[in-house]
Protein backbone atom coordinates (compact mmCIF):
# COMPACT_ATOMS: atom_id res chain seq x y z
CA UNK A 1 75.04 96.17 85.84
CA UNK A 2 72.05 93.86 85.04
CA UNK A 3 68.65 95.56 84.97
CA UNK A 4 66.00 93.01 84.04
CA UNK A 5 63.06 95.40 84.26
CA UNK A 6 64.85 97.89 81.92
CA UNK A 7 65.80 95.03 79.57
CA UNK A 8 62.20 93.79 79.30
CA UNK A 9 60.91 97.27 78.64
CA UNK A 10 63.42 97.79 75.80
CA UNK A 11 62.66 94.30 74.34
CA UNK A 12 58.90 94.97 74.63
CA UNK A 13 59.25 98.29 72.87
CA UNK A 14 61.38 96.61 70.19
CA UNK A 15 58.62 94.05 69.62
CA UNK A 16 55.99 96.77 69.45
CA UNK A 17 58.08 98.88 67.02
CA UNK A 18 58.64 101.68 69.55
CA UNK A 19 62.37 101.56 69.20
CA UNK A 20 64.81 100.33 66.56
CA UNK A 21 67.51 99.03 68.94
CA UNK A 22 69.29 95.83 67.98
CA UNK A 23 69.73 93.09 70.59
CA UNK A 24 73.42 94.00 70.79
CA UNK A 25 72.54 97.62 71.69
CA UNK A 26 70.02 96.48 74.29
CA UNK A 27 72.67 94.16 75.71
CA UNK A 28 75.03 97.11 76.19
CA UNK A 29 72.34 99.23 77.85
CA UNK A 30 70.78 96.58 80.20
CA UNK A 31 73.76 94.27 80.85
CA UNK A 32 72.26 90.95 79.55
CA UNK A 33 73.66 88.76 76.79
CA UNK A 34 72.01 88.79 73.34
CA UNK A 35 71.03 85.17 73.79
CA UNK A 36 69.27 85.98 77.10
CA UNK A 37 67.43 88.94 75.50
CA UNK A 38 66.08 86.67 72.78
CA UNK A 39 64.82 84.30 75.51
CA UNK A 40 63.13 87.27 77.18
CA UNK A 41 61.54 88.23 73.80
CA UNK A 42 60.10 84.71 73.49
CA UNK A 43 58.77 84.90 77.06
CA UNK A 44 56.98 88.18 76.29
CA UNK A 45 54.90 86.33 73.69
CA UNK A 46 53.40 84.36 76.53
CA UNK A 47 53.60 86.59 79.59
CA UNK A 48 53.58 90.19 80.50
CA UNK A 49 56.57 92.01 82.08
CA UNK A 50 55.24 91.81 85.63
CA UNK A 51 54.79 88.07 85.39
CA UNK A 52 58.27 87.49 84.08
CA UNK A 53 59.74 89.64 86.87
CA UNK A 54 58.26 87.34 89.45
CA UNK A 55 60.97 84.71 90.01
CA UNK A 56 59.61 81.28 89.09
CA UNK A 57 61.95 79.35 91.38
CA UNK A 58 60.61 80.66 94.69
CA UNK A 59 62.24 78.72 97.58
CA UNK A 60 64.51 76.91 95.08
CA UNK A 61 68.17 77.65 94.46
CA UNK A 62 68.82 79.92 91.51
CA UNK A 63 70.53 78.61 88.42
CA UNK A 64 72.87 81.51 88.81
CA UNK A 65 73.99 80.47 92.28
CA UNK A 66 77.83 80.27 92.57
CA UNK A 67 79.42 76.84 92.78
CA UNK A 68 81.82 75.85 95.57
CA UNK A 69 84.66 75.87 92.92
CA UNK A 70 83.86 79.45 91.98
CA UNK A 71 83.77 80.66 95.60
CA UNK A 72 87.07 78.86 96.35
CA UNK A 73 88.76 80.38 93.31
CA UNK A 74 87.59 83.92 94.21
CA UNK A 75 88.73 83.33 97.85
CA UNK A 76 92.22 82.31 96.69
CA UNK A 77 92.34 85.21 94.19
CA UNK A 78 91.44 87.65 96.92
CA UNK A 79 94.53 86.59 98.88
CA UNK A 80 96.64 88.58 96.36
CA UNK A 81 94.72 91.79 97.32
CA UNK A 82 94.44 91.92 101.12
CA UNK A 83 93.61 95.60 101.23
CA UNK A 84 91.23 96.58 98.45
CA UNK A 85 87.68 97.98 98.14
CA UNK A 86 84.77 95.90 96.84
CA UNK A 87 84.49 97.89 93.61
CA UNK A 88 88.28 97.67 92.95
CA UNK A 89 88.39 93.89 93.62
CA UNK A 90 85.31 93.29 91.42
CA UNK A 91 86.86 95.28 88.55
CA UNK A 92 90.18 93.51 88.79
CA UNK A 93 88.55 90.06 88.98
CA UNK A 94 86.45 90.73 85.85
CA UNK A 95 89.30 92.33 83.94
CA UNK A 96 92.11 89.86 84.83
CA UNK A 97 90.04 86.71 84.90
CA UNK A 98 86.55 86.73 83.47
CA UNK A 99 87.30 88.90 80.45
CA UNK A 100 90.77 87.58 79.88
CA UNK A 101 90.85 85.35 76.78
CA UNK A 102 93.98 83.63 78.10
CA UNK A 103 91.97 82.36 81.12
CA UNK A 104 89.30 80.49 79.20
CA UNK A 105 90.39 77.11 80.49
CA UNK A 106 90.50 78.23 84.13
CA UNK A 107 87.10 80.01 83.70
CA UNK A 108 85.47 76.76 82.53
CA UNK A 109 87.15 74.58 85.16
CA UNK A 110 85.98 76.86 88.01
CA UNK A 111 82.60 77.90 86.62
CA UNK A 112 83.63 81.59 86.66
CA UNK A 113 81.39 84.32 85.40
CA UNK A 114 80.70 88.05 85.58
CA UNK A 115 79.18 88.87 89.05
CA UNK A 116 77.33 91.92 90.32
CA UNK A 117 78.52 94.36 92.93
CA UNK A 118 75.93 92.95 95.38
CA UNK A 119 77.40 89.46 94.91
CA UNK A 120 80.88 90.71 95.94
CA UNK A 121 79.39 92.83 98.68
CA UNK A 122 77.75 89.78 100.22
CA UNK A 123 80.92 87.69 99.75
CA UNK A 124 82.92 90.41 101.58
CA UNK A 125 80.48 90.19 104.42
CA UNK A 126 80.45 86.40 104.66
CA UNK A 127 84.23 86.09 104.41
CA UNK A 128 84.93 88.97 106.84
CA UNK A 129 86.91 90.90 104.27
CA UNK A 130 87.29 94.67 104.88
CA UNK A 131 86.71 97.23 102.17
CA UNK A 132 89.37 99.97 102.31
CA UNK A 133 87.05 102.85 101.47
CA UNK A 134 84.80 102.53 104.47
CA UNK A 135 85.82 104.77 107.38
CA UNK A 136 84.20 105.02 110.80
CA UNK A 137 83.66 108.44 112.25
CA UNK A 138 84.13 108.70 115.99
CA UNK A 139 82.88 112.26 116.35
CA UNK A 140 79.49 111.93 118.12
CA UNK A 141 78.49 115.40 116.90
CA UNK A 142 79.02 114.41 113.32
CA UNK A 143 75.78 114.60 111.33
CA UNK A 144 75.50 111.92 108.67
CA UNK A 145 74.49 113.23 105.26
CA UNK A 146 71.52 111.38 103.67
CA UNK A 147 72.42 109.29 100.65
CA UNK A 148 71.83 111.17 97.38
CA UNK A 149 69.30 109.54 95.01
CA UNK A 150 71.01 108.17 91.90
CA UNK A 151 70.29 109.79 88.58
CA UNK A 152 66.99 108.76 86.91
CA UNK A 153 68.68 107.39 83.81
CA UNK A 154 71.98 106.36 82.25
CA UNK A 155 74.21 109.06 80.87
CA UNK A 156 72.85 112.03 82.84
CA UNK A 157 75.62 112.16 85.41
CA UNK A 158 79.03 110.52 85.12
CA UNK A 159 81.28 110.43 88.22
CA UNK A 160 85.02 110.70 87.50
CA UNK A 161 88.04 110.29 89.77
CA UNK A 162 91.71 109.36 89.89
CA UNK A 163 92.46 106.50 92.32
CA UNK A 164 96.08 105.75 93.34
CA UNK A 165 96.69 102.11 94.22
CA UNK A 166 99.23 99.31 93.65
CA UNK A 167 96.99 97.99 90.91
CA UNK A 168 99.61 95.64 89.43
CA UNK A 169 100.85 94.31 92.76
CA UNK A 170 104.41 95.34 91.94
CA UNK A 171 105.03 97.67 94.88
CA UNK A 172 104.44 100.79 92.82
CA UNK A 173 101.29 102.87 92.88
CA UNK A 174 99.60 104.11 89.75
CA UNK A 175 96.48 106.20 89.32
CA UNK A 176 93.38 104.77 87.57
CA UNK A 177 91.35 107.57 86.02
CA UNK A 178 87.84 106.18 85.94
CA UNK A 179 84.31 107.13 84.80
CA UNK A 180 81.28 105.57 86.50
CA UNK A 181 77.63 106.05 85.55
CA UNK A 182 75.69 107.42 88.55
CA UNK A 183 72.44 105.84 87.55
CA UNK A 184 73.68 102.27 87.14
CA UNK A 185 76.98 102.16 88.98
CA UNK A 186 78.54 100.84 85.76
CA UNK A 187 82.29 101.31 85.24
CA UNK A 188 82.36 102.85 81.82
CA UNK A 189 86.08 103.21 81.22
CA UNK A 190 89.48 103.88 82.79
CA UNK A 191 93.01 104.85 82.03
CA UNK A 192 96.21 104.18 84.01
CA UNK A 193 98.93 106.78 84.56
CA UNK A 194 101.82 107.00 87.10
CA UNK A 195 100.05 109.87 88.86
CA UNK A 196 96.67 111.63 88.68
CA UNK A 197 97.12 114.04 85.77
CA UNK A 198 95.44 115.89 82.92
CA UNK A 199 96.69 113.36 80.33
CA UNK A 200 95.00 110.53 82.22
CA UNK A 201 91.69 112.31 82.34
CA UNK A 202 91.92 113.34 78.67
CA UNK A 203 92.51 109.66 77.57
CA UNK A 204 89.57 108.62 79.87
CA UNK A 205 87.27 111.25 78.38
CA UNK A 206 88.21 110.26 74.82
CA UNK A 207 87.22 106.57 75.55
CA UNK A 208 84.08 107.67 77.32
CA UNK A 209 82.87 109.79 74.46
CA UNK A 210 83.88 107.27 71.83
CA UNK A 211 82.31 104.26 73.45
CA UNK A 212 79.30 105.78 75.24
CA UNK A 213 78.62 109.15 73.68
CA UNK A 214 78.77 112.65 75.29
CA UNK A 215 77.37 112.76 78.85
CA UNK A 216 75.25 115.63 80.15
CA UNK A 217 77.27 116.19 83.38
CA UNK A 218 80.59 115.14 84.89
CA UNK A 219 80.77 115.01 88.71
CA UNK A 220 84.25 115.23 90.26
CA UNK A 221 86.20 116.25 93.35
CA UNK A 222 87.83 119.66 93.42
CA UNK A 223 91.21 118.57 92.11
CA UNK A 224 92.79 121.55 90.36
CA UNK A 225 93.17 119.52 87.16
CA UNK A 226 89.35 119.41 86.96
CA UNK A 227 88.15 122.43 88.86
CA UNK A 228 89.94 125.75 89.01
CA UNK A 229 90.43 127.13 92.54
CA UNK A 230 89.63 130.52 91.04
CA UNK A 231 85.88 130.79 90.73
CA UNK A 232 84.58 131.21 87.19
CA UNK A 233 87.78 130.12 85.44
CA UNK A 234 87.97 126.86 83.48
CA UNK A 235 90.94 124.47 83.53
CA UNK A 236 92.12 122.98 80.30
CA UNK A 237 89.97 119.89 81.05
CA UNK A 238 87.04 122.10 81.85
CA UNK A 239 87.42 123.98 78.58
CA UNK A 240 87.38 120.68 76.64
CA UNK A 241 84.16 119.67 78.45
CA UNK A 242 82.57 123.01 77.70
CA UNK A 243 83.46 122.63 74.02
CA UNK A 244 81.72 119.29 74.05
CA UNK A 245 78.66 120.69 75.87
CA UNK A 246 79.38 118.84 79.13
CA UNK A 247 78.58 120.50 82.42
CA UNK A 248 81.26 120.12 85.18
CA UNK A 249 79.81 119.73 88.73
CA UNK A 250 82.12 119.92 91.73
CA UNK A 251 81.64 117.68 94.77
CA UNK A 252 79.70 119.09 97.71
CA UNK A 253 78.00 121.65 95.51
CA UNK A 254 75.27 121.75 92.88
CA UNK A 255 76.99 124.66 91.14
CA UNK A 256 77.83 124.08 87.53
CA UNK A 257 81.31 125.32 86.70
CA UNK A 258 81.04 127.60 83.71
CA UNK A 259 83.36 129.96 81.91
CA UNK A 260 83.51 133.45 83.33
CA UNK A 261 82.17 136.21 81.17
């Protein structure tokens, strides 16, 4: 996910010698390309952060506005997935098209690029597409829970889940074991298995730790693979997390699952 304010702060600190991040590292943290970060660095020699954050093209179309070719391609691509959530469709579009080296010619011909969640959310709204994860509650006595504030910084809380779906459009469901950063909404990694299982979560955890380091907390539902139904006892996955110093947090509770004494 792109975070211009965060990117500018990291670049400014780099210029002032307050961090030793490379542009590649800042790119991974803030979601901007190395080339764009260098342009931001040059801008900081002339303007302060607040001035740069004020869009210089007020009332003018953004250079990042999608072309009609791009919208038409996405519309046709969406026909392959009539029942899919915004997040799932965005991930599939990026993985199968934008980041696919075999699609370079098509990407150039249709001006395709990585797009944010809000872009796809707006497109869903304009096109009248329905997201499968939104459910309407008809119980008038139902009290809506307020939205939880996201974590203050990246890496504090990672949400994990196993999502069954016909991901490959072959009539067979498989489970995608995913890890999402709570602060940024960034999809950090995933692993496919025929069903939600311990092996899938172990592979996912290995990729997460290898690529992004050890998180402070993992937040999950109460699946018995992750959270033991017997209070105080750790599952195999929970034991691995404890050995790594990761706290397991169950959904609908702030209780940290720890090994019984």
